[in-house]
Amino acid sequence: MDDSAASVAVSWSHYALVFFVSLLLWVLLTGTLNRDELVAGAMVSLTVTVLFGARFTIFTGFRFSWLAPVYILTYLGNFFVALVRANLDLAARVLAPSLPINPALVEIHTQLKSPLGKLLLANTITLTPGTLTVDVVEDKLLVHWVYCPPGTDMQQATETIAATFEKHLSRFLI
């Protein structure tokens, strides 16, 4: 085990999250809520959690609260709306050559500190058409943007591309 993985303090809530994520993955992969499958999934999830739970340090950035499921659903709803808008915008740019395309690599800043937070933000940006996260270095993400308005600085790019996603993610991630 490397020093960085060993130095992360792991709480019981971390193990609970690893267990429930493993069980959710089991249910999604089996596609059934049959009692026998749930028991088998719980046993496998418990085994994975006991043996490897401390190694899943990516989950240490999760904020536990009773409202976390609401915050996650709010984030997913916001992401869905942004996804539809980005698809329509990009489709319009493809179908109407008169609409400007000004591709650029822009650097955006994130307040999220956990690896999971940065991972979800980078993937959210990548999944919305017209943007692609190329690299993540510390608190900055390098993003390829199909239409970057001329004269855009880091603050404007951060506001336009990531601020809304980051606001929702920061409710349940560090």
N, C-alpha and C. Protein backbone atom coordinates (compact mmCIF):
# COMPACT_ATOMS: atom_id res chain seq x y z
N MET A 1 0.86 -1.17 0.00
CA MET A 1 0.00 0.00 0.00
C MET A 1 0.90 1.23 0.00
N ASP A 2 0.64 2.20 -0.86
CA ASP A 2 1.47 3.40 -0.91
C ASP A 2 1.13 4.33 0.24
N ASP A 3 2.03 5.28 0.50
CA ASP A 3 1.87 6.18 1.64
C ASP A 3 0.64 7.05 1.55
N SER A 4 0.27 7.50 0.34
CA SER A 4 -0.90 8.38 0.21
C SER A 4 -2.19 7.64 0.56
N ALA A 5 -2.29 6.38 0.18
CA ALA A 5 -3.50 5.62 0.51
C ALA A 5 -3.54 5.30 2.00
N ALA A 6 -2.38 5.06 2.59
CA ALA A 6 -2.33 4.72 4.01
C ALA A 6 -2.60 5.93 4.89
N SER A 7 -2.30 7.13 4.39
CA SER A 7 -2.43 8.32 5.21
C SER A 7 -3.85 8.86 5.29
N VAL A 8 -4.75 8.36 4.46
CA VAL A 8 -6.14 8.83 4.46
C VAL A 8 -6.89 8.13 5.58
N ALA A 9 -7.47 8.91 6.48
CA ALA A 9 -8.25 8.35 7.57
C ALA A 9 -9.60 7.88 7.03
N VAL A 10 -9.95 6.65 7.34
CA VAL A 10 -11.18 6.09 6.82
C VAL A 10 -12.14 5.86 7.99
N SER A 11 -13.35 6.41 7.86
CA SER A 11 -14.34 6.31 8.93
C SER A 11 -15.34 5.20 8.63
N TRP A 12 -16.20 4.92 9.59
CA TRP A 12 -17.25 3.93 9.39
C TRP A 12 -18.20 4.35 8.28
N SER A 13 -18.44 5.65 8.17
CA SER A 13 -19.33 6.12 7.11
C SER A 13 -18.73 5.82 5.73
N HIS A 14 -17.42 5.86 5.65
CA HIS A 14 -16.75 5.51 4.40
C HIS A 14 -17.03 4.05 4.04
N TYR A 15 -16.89 3.16 5.03
CA TYR A 15 -17.16 1.75 4.78
C TYR A 15 -18.63 1.52 4.42
N ALA A 16 -19.52 2.25 5.07
CA ALA A 16 -20.95 2.13 4.75
C ALA A 16 -21.21 2.54 3.30
N LEU A 17 -20.57 3.63 2.86
CA LEU A 17 -20.75 4.08 1.49
C LEU A 17 -20.20 3.05 0.50
N VAL A 18 -19.02 2.50 0.78
CA VAL A 18 -18.46 1.47 -0.09
C VAL A 18 -19.40 0.27 -0.16
N PHE A 19 -19.95 -0.14 0.97
CA PHE A 19 -20.89 -1.27 0.99
C PHE A 19 -22.11 -0.97 0.13
N PHE A 20 -22.73 0.19 0.34
CA PHE A 20 -23.96 0.49 -0.40
C PHE A 20 -23.72 0.73 -1.89
N VAL A 21 -22.60 1.30 -2.24
CA VAL A 21 -22.27 1.46 -3.66
C VAL A 21 -22.04 0.09 -4.29
N SER A 22 -21.35 -0.79 -3.59
CA SER A 22 -21.13 -2.15 -4.10
C SER A 22 -22.45 -2.89 -4.26
N LEU A 23 -23.33 -2.76 -3.27
CA LEU A 23 -24.63 -3.43 -3.35
C LEU A 23 -25.49 -2.85 -4.48
N LEU A 24 -25.46 -1.53 -4.64
CA LEU A 24 -26.20 -0.90 -5.73
C LEU A 24 -25.68 -1.40 -7.08
N LEU A 25 -24.37 -1.48 -7.22
CA LEU A 25 -23.78 -2.00 -8.46
C LEU A 25 -24.22 -3.44 -8.69
N TRP A 26 -24.25 -4.24 -7.63
CA TRP A 26 -24.71 -5.64 -7.74
C TRP A 26 -26.15 -5.68 -8.26
N VAL A 27 -27.02 -4.88 -7.65
CA VAL A 27 -28.43 -4.86 -8.06
C VAL A 27 -28.57 -4.41 -9.51
N LEU A 28 -27.81 -3.39 -9.89
CA LEU A 28 -27.89 -2.91 -11.27
C LEU A 28 -27.39 -3.96 -12.27
N LEU A 29 -26.35 -4.68 -11.89
CA LEU A 29 -25.81 -5.70 -12.80
C LEU A 29 -26.69 -6.93 -12.88
N THR A 30 -27.32 -7.33 -11.77
CA THR A 30 -28.19 -8.51 -11.81
C THR A 30 -29.56 -8.17 -12.36
N GLY A 31 -30.00 -6.94 -12.16
CA GLY A 31 -31.28 -6.50 -12.70
C GLY A 31 -32.49 -7.08 -11.99
N THR A 32 -32.32 -7.50 -10.76
CA THR A 32 -33.44 -8.09 -10.02
C THR A 32 -33.36 -7.72 -8.55
N LEU A 33 -34.51 -7.73 -7.91
CA LEU A 33 -34.58 -7.51 -6.46
C LEU A 33 -34.98 -8.81 -5.76
N ASN A 34 -34.74 -9.92 -6.40
CA ASN A 34 -35.00 -11.24 -5.83
C ASN A 34 -34.25 -11.36 -4.51
N ARG A 35 -34.91 -11.94 -3.50
CA ARG A 35 -34.32 -12.04 -2.16
C ARG A 35 -32.98 -12.77 -2.19
N ASP A 36 -32.89 -13.86 -2.92
CA ASP A 36 -31.64 -14.63 -2.99
C ASP A 36 -30.52 -13.80 -3.60
N GLU A 37 -30.83 -13.05 -4.64
CA GLU A 37 -29.82 -12.19 -5.26
C GLU A 37 -29.38 -11.08 -4.31
N LEU A 38 -30.32 -10.51 -3.57
CA LEU A 38 -29.97 -9.46 -2.61
C LEU A 38 -29.08 -9.99 -1.49
N VAL A 39 -29.38 -11.20 -1.01
CA VAL A 39 -28.55 -11.81 0.03
C VAL A 39 -27.15 -12.07 -0.51
N ALA A 40 -27.07 -12.64 -1.71
CA ALA A 40 -25.76 -12.90 -2.32
C ALA A 40 -25.01 -11.58 -2.55
N GLY A 41 -25.73 -10.56 -3.03
CA GLY A 41 -25.11 -9.26 -3.24
C GLY A 41 -24.62 -8.63 -1.95
N ALA A 42 -25.39 -8.77 -0.89
CA ALA A 42 -24.98 -8.23 0.41
C ALA A 42 -23.73 -8.95 0.91
N MET A 43 -23.65 -10.25 0.71
CA MET A 43 -22.47 -11.00 1.16
C MET A 43 -21.24 -10.59 0.35
N VAL A 44 -21.40 -10.48 -0.95
CA VAL A 44 -20.27 -10.07 -1.80
C VAL A 44 -19.86 -8.64 -1.47
N SER A 45 -20.83 -7.76 -1.28
CA SER A 45 -20.54 -6.36 -0.95
C SER A 45 -19.84 -6.24 0.38
N LEU A 46 -20.27 -7.04 1.36
CA LEU A 46 -19.63 -7.03 2.68
C LEU A 46 -18.19 -7.52 2.57
N THR A 47 -17.98 -8.56 1.79
CA THR A 47 -16.63 -9.09 1.60
C THR A 47 -15.73 -8.05 0.93
N VAL A 48 -16.23 -7.44 -0.12
CA VAL A 48 -15.46 -6.40 -0.82
C VAL A 48 -15.15 -5.24 0.13
N THR A 49 -16.13 -4.85 0.92
CA THR A 49 -15.94 -3.73 1.85
C THR A 49 -14.89 -4.05 2.91
N VAL A 50 -14.97 -5.26 3.48
CA VAL A 50 -14.02 -5.64 4.53
C VAL A 50 -12.60 -5.76 3.97
N LEU A 51 -12.49 -6.40 2.80
CA LEU A 51 -11.15 -6.63 2.24
C LEU A 51 -10.53 -5.40 1.59
N PHE A 52 -11.35 -4.60 0.90
CA PHE A 52 -10.79 -3.53 0.08
C PHE A 52 -11.34 -2.14 0.39
N GLY A 53 -12.21 -2.01 1.37
CA GLY A 53 -12.85 -0.73 1.67
C GLY A 53 -11.88 0.41 1.89
N ALA A 54 -10.79 0.14 2.60
CA ALA A 54 -9.82 1.20 2.87
C ALA A 54 -9.10 1.67 1.61
N ARG A 55 -9.07 0.84 0.58
CA ARG A 55 -8.38 1.20 -0.66
C ARG A 55 -9.24 2.07 -1.58
N PHE A 56 -10.55 2.13 -1.31
CA PHE A 56 -11.44 2.96 -2.12
C PHE A 56 -11.44 4.39 -1.58
N THR A 57 -10.29 5.02 -1.61
CA THR A 57 -10.16 6.36 -1.05
C THR A 57 -10.89 7.42 -1.87
N ILE A 58 -11.32 7.08 -3.07
CA ILE A 58 -12.04 8.05 -3.89
C ILE A 58 -13.36 8.44 -3.23
N PHE A 59 -13.91 7.56 -2.38
CA PHE A 59 -15.18 7.85 -1.72
C PHE A 59 -15.04 8.74 -0.49
N THR A 60 -13.82 9.11 -0.11
CA THR A 60 -13.64 9.92 1.10
C THR A 60 -14.14 11.35 0.94
N GLY A 61 -14.46 11.78 -0.25
CA GLY A 61 -14.93 13.14 -0.46
C GLY A 61 -16.42 13.33 -0.35
N PHE A 62 -17.15 12.27 -0.01
CA PHE A 62 -18.61 12.35 0.06
C PHE A 62 -19.05 12.97 1.38
N ARG A 63 -20.01 13.92 1.32
CA ARG A 63 -20.57 14.53 2.53
C ARG A 63 -21.84 13.77 2.90
N PHE A 64 -21.82 13.17 4.06
CA PHE A 64 -22.98 12.41 4.50
C PHE A 64 -23.99 13.33 5.17
N SER A 65 -25.22 13.27 4.68
CA SER A 65 -26.33 13.98 5.31
C SER A 65 -27.62 13.33 4.83
N TRP A 66 -28.69 13.60 5.53
CA TRP A 66 -29.98 13.05 5.14
C TRP A 66 -30.46 13.66 3.82
N LEU A 67 -29.96 14.85 3.50
CA LEU A 67 -30.37 15.52 2.27
C LEU A 67 -29.51 15.13 1.05
N ALA A 68 -28.48 14.34 1.27
CA ALA A 68 -27.59 13.96 0.17
C ALA A 68 -28.35 13.36 -1.02
N PRO A 69 -29.31 12.45 -0.81
CA PRO A 69 -30.05 11.92 -1.97
C PRO A 69 -30.80 13.01 -2.73
N VAL A 70 -31.34 13.99 -2.02
CA VAL A 70 -32.04 15.11 -2.67
C VAL A 70 -31.04 15.93 -3.48
N TYR A 71 -29.87 16.19 -2.89
CA TYR A 71 -28.84 16.97 -3.59
C TYR A 71 -28.35 16.23 -4.84
N ILE A 72 -28.22 14.92 -4.75
CA ILE A 72 -27.79 14.13 -5.91
C ILE A 72 -28.84 14.19 -7.01
N LEU A 73 -30.11 14.05 -6.64
CA LEU A 73 -31.18 14.13 -7.63
C LEU A 73 -31.27 15.53 -8.25
N THR A 74 -31.05 16.57 -7.45
CA THR A 74 -31.04 17.94 -7.97
C THR A 74 -29.91 18.11 -8.98
N TYR A 75 -28.74 17.59 -8.63
CA TYR A 75 -27.59 17.64 -9.54
C TYR A 75 -27.92 16.92 -10.85
N LEU A 76 -28.50 15.72 -10.76
CA LEU A 76 -28.82 14.95 -11.97
C LEU A 76 -29.86 15.67 -12.82
N GLY A 77 -30.85 16.30 -12.19
CA GLY A 77 -31.85 17.07 -12.93
C GLY A 77 -31.22 18.25 -13.64
N ASN A 78 -30.34 18.96 -12.93
CA ASN A 78 -29.63 20.09 -13.52
C ASN A 78 -28.75 19.63 -14.68
N PHE A 79 -28.08 18.51 -14.49
CA PHE A 79 -27.23 17.96 -15.55
C PHE A 79 -28.07 17.60 -16.78
N PHE A 80 -29.24 17.00 -16.57
CA PHE A 80 -30.10 16.62 -17.69
C PHE A 80 -30.53 17.85 -18.48
N VAL A 81 -30.92 18.92 -17.80
CA VAL A 81 -31.32 20.16 -18.48
C VAL A 81 -30.14 20.72 -19.28
N ALA A 82 -28.96 20.76 -18.66
CA ALA A 82 -27.77 21.26 -19.35
C ALA A 82 -27.41 20.38 -20.54
N LEU A 83 -27.62 19.10 -20.40
CA LEU A 83 -27.33 18.16 -21.48
C LEU A 83 -28.23 18.42 -22.69
N VAL A 84 -29.51 18.62 -22.44
CA VAL A 84 -30.46 18.90 -23.53
C VAL A 84 -30.10 20.23 -24.21
N ARG A 85 -29.83 21.26 -23.41
CA ARG A 85 -29.47 22.57 -23.98
C ARG A 85 -28.20 22.48 -24.82
N ALA A 86 -27.18 21.78 -24.30
CA ALA A 86 -25.92 21.67 -25.03
C ALA A 86 -26.11 20.89 -26.33
N ASN A 87 -26.94 19.85 -26.30
CA ASN A 87 -27.22 19.09 -27.52
C ASN A 87 -27.90 19.96 -28.56
N LEU A 88 -28.89 20.74 -28.14
CA LEU A 88 -29.59 21.62 -29.08
C LEU A 88 -28.66 22.69 -29.63
N ASP A 89 -27.81 23.26 -28.77
CA ASP A 89 -26.87 24.29 -29.22
C ASP A 89 -25.88 23.73 -30.23
N LEU A 90 -25.32 22.57 -29.92
CA LEU A 90 -24.34 21.98 -30.84
C LEU A 90 -25.01 21.54 -32.14
N ALA A 91 -26.21 20.99 -32.06
CA ALA A 91 -26.93 20.60 -33.29
C ALA A 91 -27.20 21.82 -34.15
N ALA A 92 -27.58 22.94 -33.53
CA ALA A 92 -27.81 24.17 -34.29
C ALA A 92 -26.54 24.64 -34.98
N ARG A 93 -25.40 24.55 -34.29
CA ARG A 93 -24.12 24.97 -34.88
C ARG A 93 -23.72 24.08 -36.05
N VAL A 94 -24.05 22.79 -35.96
CA VAL A 94 -23.72 21.87 -37.05
C VAL A 94 -24.64 22.10 -38.24
N LEU A 95 -25.93 22.31 -37.97
CA LEU A 95 -26.91 22.45 -39.05
C LEU A 95 -26.94 23.83 -39.67
N ALA A 96 -26.50 24.86 -38.95
CA ALA A 96 -26.50 26.22 -39.47
C ALA A 96 -25.06 26.73 -39.50
N PRO A 97 -24.42 26.62 -40.65
CA PRO A 97 -23.02 27.04 -40.75
C PRO A 97 -22.79 28.52 -40.41
N SER A 98 -23.85 29.31 -40.40
CA SER A 98 -23.69 30.73 -40.08
C SER A 98 -23.41 30.96 -38.59
N LEU A 99 -23.77 29.98 -37.73
CA LEU A 99 -23.49 30.12 -36.30
C LEU A 99 -21.99 29.96 -36.06
N PRO A 100 -21.42 30.80 -35.23
CA PRO A 100 -19.96 30.76 -35.05
C PRO A 100 -19.47 29.54 -34.28
N ILE A 101 -18.31 29.10 -34.70
CA ILE A 101 -17.56 28.07 -33.97
C ILE A 101 -16.19 28.67 -33.72
N ASN A 102 -15.80 28.70 -32.47
CA ASN A 102 -14.51 29.27 -32.09
C ASN A 102 -13.87 28.34 -31.06
N PRO A 103 -13.32 27.19 -31.53
CA PRO A 103 -12.77 26.23 -30.59
C PRO A 103 -11.55 26.77 -29.86
N ALA A 104 -11.45 26.41 -28.59
CA ALA A 104 -10.31 26.85 -27.79
C ALA A 104 -10.14 25.93 -26.60
N LEU A 105 -8.91 25.85 -26.11
CA LEU A 105 -8.63 25.19 -24.84
C LEU A 105 -8.68 26.26 -23.76
N VAL A 106 -9.56 26.07 -22.79
CA VAL A 106 -9.68 27.03 -21.70
C VAL A 106 -9.39 26.34 -20.38
N GLU A 107 -8.88 27.09 -19.45
CA GLU A 107 -8.60 26.58 -18.13
C GLU A 107 -9.69 27.08 -17.20
N ILE A 108 -10.29 26.16 -16.45
CA ILE A 108 -11.29 26.57 -15.48
C ILE A 108 -10.82 26.16 -14.09
N HIS A 109 -11.29 26.89 -13.11
CA HIS A 109 -10.90 26.67 -11.72
C HIS A 109 -12.04 25.98 -10.98
N THR A 110 -11.70 25.04 -10.11
CA THR A 110 -12.70 24.37 -9.31
C THR A 110 -12.41 24.55 -7.83
N GLN A 111 -13.47 24.68 -7.04
CA GLN A 111 -13.35 24.75 -5.58
C GLN A 111 -13.42 23.36 -4.96
N LEU A 112 -13.80 22.35 -5.75
CA LEU A 112 -13.90 20.99 -5.24
C LEU A 112 -12.51 20.46 -4.91
N LYS A 113 -12.37 19.82 -3.77
CA LYS A 113 -11.06 19.35 -3.32
C LYS A 113 -10.88 17.84 -3.45
N SER A 114 -11.96 17.08 -3.36
CA SER A 114 -11.83 15.63 -3.37
C SER A 114 -11.63 15.10 -4.78
N PRO A 115 -10.92 13.97 -4.90
CA PRO A 115 -10.77 13.36 -6.22
C PRO A 115 -12.11 13.00 -6.84
N LEU A 116 -13.08 12.54 -6.04
CA LEU A 116 -14.40 12.20 -6.55
C LEU A 116 -15.11 13.43 -7.08
N GLY A 117 -15.00 14.55 -6.37
CA GLY A 117 -15.62 15.79 -6.83
C GLY A 117 -15.05 16.25 -8.16
N LYS A 118 -13.73 16.22 -8.27
CA LYS A 118 -13.08 16.63 -9.52
C LYS A 118 -13.42 15.66 -10.66
N LEU A 119 -13.48 14.37 -10.33
CA LEU A 119 -13.83 13.37 -11.34
C LEU A 119 -15.24 13.59 -11.87
N LEU A 120 -16.20 13.79 -10.97
CA LEU A 120 -17.58 14.01 -11.42
C LEU A 120 -17.73 15.32 -12.18
N LEU A 121 -17.05 16.37 -11.75
CA LEU A 121 -17.11 17.63 -12.49
C LEU A 121 -16.51 17.47 -13.88
N ALA A 122 -15.35 16.84 -13.97
CA ALA A 122 -14.71 16.64 -15.28
C ALA A 122 -15.58 15.79 -16.20
N ASN A 123 -16.18 14.74 -15.67
CA ASN A 123 -17.04 13.89 -16.50
C ASN A 123 -18.34 14.58 -16.88
N THR A 124 -18.88 15.39 -15.99
CA THR A 124 -20.09 16.15 -16.31
C THR A 124 -19.82 17.10 -17.46
N ILE A 125 -18.70 17.79 -17.39
CA ILE A 125 -18.32 18.72 -18.46
C ILE A 125 -18.12 17.96 -19.77
N THR A 126 -17.44 16.81 -19.71
CA THR A 126 -17.18 16.03 -20.91
C THR A 126 -18.46 15.48 -21.53
N LEU A 127 -19.43 15.10 -20.69
CA LEU A 127 -20.66 14.52 -21.21
C LEU A 127 -21.60 15.53 -21.84
N THR A 128 -21.40 16.82 -21.59
CA THR A 128 -22.23 17.82 -22.25
C THR A 128 -21.58 18.17 -23.59
N PRO A 129 -22.31 18.01 -24.68
CA PRO A 129 -21.74 18.26 -26.00
C PRO A 129 -21.18 19.68 -26.13
N GLY A 130 -20.05 19.78 -26.81
CA GLY A 130 -19.41 21.07 -27.03
C GLY A 130 -18.26 21.33 -26.08
N THR A 131 -18.11 20.48 -25.07
CA THR A 131 -16.99 20.62 -24.13
C THR A 131 -16.37 19.25 -23.89
N LEU A 132 -15.08 19.24 -23.64
CA LEU A 132 -14.35 18.01 -23.38
C LEU A 132 -13.23 18.31 -22.40
N THR A 133 -13.25 17.68 -21.24
CA THR A 133 -12.18 17.86 -20.27
C THR A 133 -10.97 17.07 -20.75
N VAL A 134 -9.86 17.79 -20.93
CA VAL A 134 -8.65 17.19 -21.46
C VAL A 134 -7.71 16.77 -20.33
N ASP A 135 -7.64 17.58 -19.26
CA ASP A 135 -6.70 17.30 -18.17
C ASP A 135 -7.20 17.93 -16.88
N VAL A 136 -6.83 17.33 -15.77
CA VAL A 136 -7.12 17.87 -14.44
C VAL A 136 -5.80 17.94 -13.70
N VAL A 137 -5.43 19.16 -13.29
CA VAL A 137 -4.20 19.36 -12.54
C VAL A 137 -4.53 20.23 -11.33
N GLU A 138 -4.41 19.61 -10.14
CA GLU A 138 -4.73 20.27 -8.88
C GLU A 138 -6.14 20.84 -8.91
N ASP A 139 -6.30 22.17 -8.88
CA ASP A 139 -7.65 22.75 -8.85
C ASP A 139 -8.05 23.36 -10.20
N LYS A 140 -7.39 22.94 -11.27
CA LYS A 140 -7.69 23.47 -12.60
C LYS A 140 -8.03 22.34 -13.56
N LEU A 141 -9.00 22.60 -14.42
CA LEU A 141 -9.37 21.65 -15.46
C LEU A 141 -9.11 22.31 -16.80
N LEU A 142 -8.48 21.58 -17.70
CA LEU A 142 -8.25 22.07 -19.05
C LEU A 142 -9.37 21.50 -19.92
N VAL A 143 -10.16 22.41 -20.53
CA VAL A 143 -11.36 22.02 -21.25
C VAL A 143 -11.29 22.52 -22.69
N HIS A 144 -11.58 21.61 -23.64
CA HIS A 144 -11.73 22.01 -25.04
C HIS A 144 -13.19 22.45 -25.19
N TRP A 145 -13.36 23.68 -25.68
CA TRP A 145 -14.69 24.28 -25.79
C TRP A 145 -14.94 24.61 -27.26
N VAL A 146 -16.04 24.15 -27.82
CA VAL A 146 -16.33 24.36 -29.24
C VAL A 146 -16.56 25.83 -29.56
N TYR A 147 -17.28 26.54 -28.68
CA TYR A 147 -17.46 27.97 -28.92
C TYR A 147 -17.04 28.75 -27.69
N CYS A 148 -15.85 29.30 -27.79
CA CYS A 148 -15.30 30.15 -26.73
C CYS A 148 -15.42 31.60 -27.20
N PRO A 149 -16.29 32.39 -26.54
CA PRO A 149 -16.41 33.79 -26.95
C PRO A 149 -15.05 34.50 -26.90
N PRO A 150 -14.76 35.33 -27.88
CA PRO A 150 -13.47 36.03 -27.90
C PRO A 150 -13.26 36.84 -26.62
N GLY A 151 -12.04 36.79 -26.09
CA GLY A 151 -11.69 37.57 -24.90
C GLY A 151 -12.11 36.92 -23.58
N THR A 152 -12.49 35.66 -23.62
CA THR A 152 -12.92 34.96 -22.40
C THR A 152 -11.72 34.68 -21.50
N ASP A 153 -11.84 35.05 -20.22
CA ASP A 153 -10.77 34.74 -19.27
C ASP A 153 -11.19 33.52 -18.42
N MET A 154 -10.31 33.11 -17.49
CA MET A 154 -10.57 31.92 -16.69
C MET A 154 -11.85 32.05 -15.87
N GLN A 155 -12.10 33.22 -15.31
CA GLN A 155 -13.28 33.42 -14.48
C GLN A 155 -14.56 33.27 -15.31
N GLN A 156 -14.58 33.86 -16.49
CA GLN A 156 -15.76 33.75 -17.36
C GLN A 156 -15.96 32.31 -17.83
N ALA A 157 -14.88 31.63 -18.19
CA ALA A 157 -14.98 30.24 -18.64
C ALA A 157 -15.49 29.36 -17.50
N THR A 158 -14.99 29.59 -16.29
CA THR A 158 -15.44 28.82 -15.13
C THR A 158 -16.93 29.04 -14.89
N GLU A 159 -17.37 30.29 -14.95
CA GLU A 159 -18.79 30.60 -14.75
C GLU A 159 -19.66 29.93 -15.80
N THR A 160 -19.25 30.03 -17.05
CA THR A 160 -20.06 29.51 -18.15
C THR A 160 -20.10 27.99 -18.18
N ILE A 161 -18.96 27.36 -17.99
CA ILE A 161 -18.88 25.91 -18.17
C ILE A 161 -19.20 25.13 -16.90
N ALA A 162 -18.66 25.55 -15.76
CA ALA A 162 -18.67 24.66 -14.59
C ALA A 162 -19.39 25.17 -13.35
N ALA A 163 -19.68 26.44 -13.25
CA ALA A 163 -20.19 26.99 -11.98
C ALA A 163 -21.47 26.32 -11.50
N THR A 164 -22.42 26.11 -12.38
CA THR A 164 -23.69 25.51 -11.96
C THR A 164 -23.49 24.07 -11.53
N PHE A 165 -22.71 23.31 -12.29
CA PHE A 165 -22.44 21.92 -11.91
C PHE A 165 -21.72 21.87 -10.56
N GLU A 166 -20.72 22.72 -10.41
CA GLU A 166 -19.94 22.73 -9.18
C GLU A 166 -20.79 23.10 -7.96
N LYS A 167 -21.72 24.02 -8.14
CA LYS A 167 -22.61 24.42 -7.05
C LYS A 167 -23.39 23.22 -6.55
N HIS A 168 -23.94 22.43 -7.47
CA HIS A 168 -24.73 21.26 -7.08
C HIS A 168 -23.85 20.14 -6.52
N LEU A 169 -22.68 19.92 -7.12
CA LEU A 169 -21.79 18.89 -6.63
C LEU A 169 -21.25 19.20 -5.24
N SER A 170 -21.01 20.48 -4.95
CA SER A 170 -20.43 20.84 -3.65
C SER A 170 -21.40 20.63 -2.50
N ARG A 171 -22.67 20.39 -2.79
CA ARG A 171 -23.63 20.10 -1.72
C ARG A 171 -23.44 18.71 -1.12
N PHE A 172 -22.90 17.78 -1.93
CA PHE A 172 -22.71 16.43 -1.40
C PHE A 172 -21.28 15.90 -1.57
N LEU A 173 -20.39 16.72 -2.10
CA LEU A 173 -18.98 16.34 -2.24
C LEU A 173 -18.08 17.46 -1.73
N ILE A 174 -16.93 17.07 -1.25
CA ILE A 174 -15.96 18.06 -0.78
C ILE A 174 -15.17 18.57 -1.96
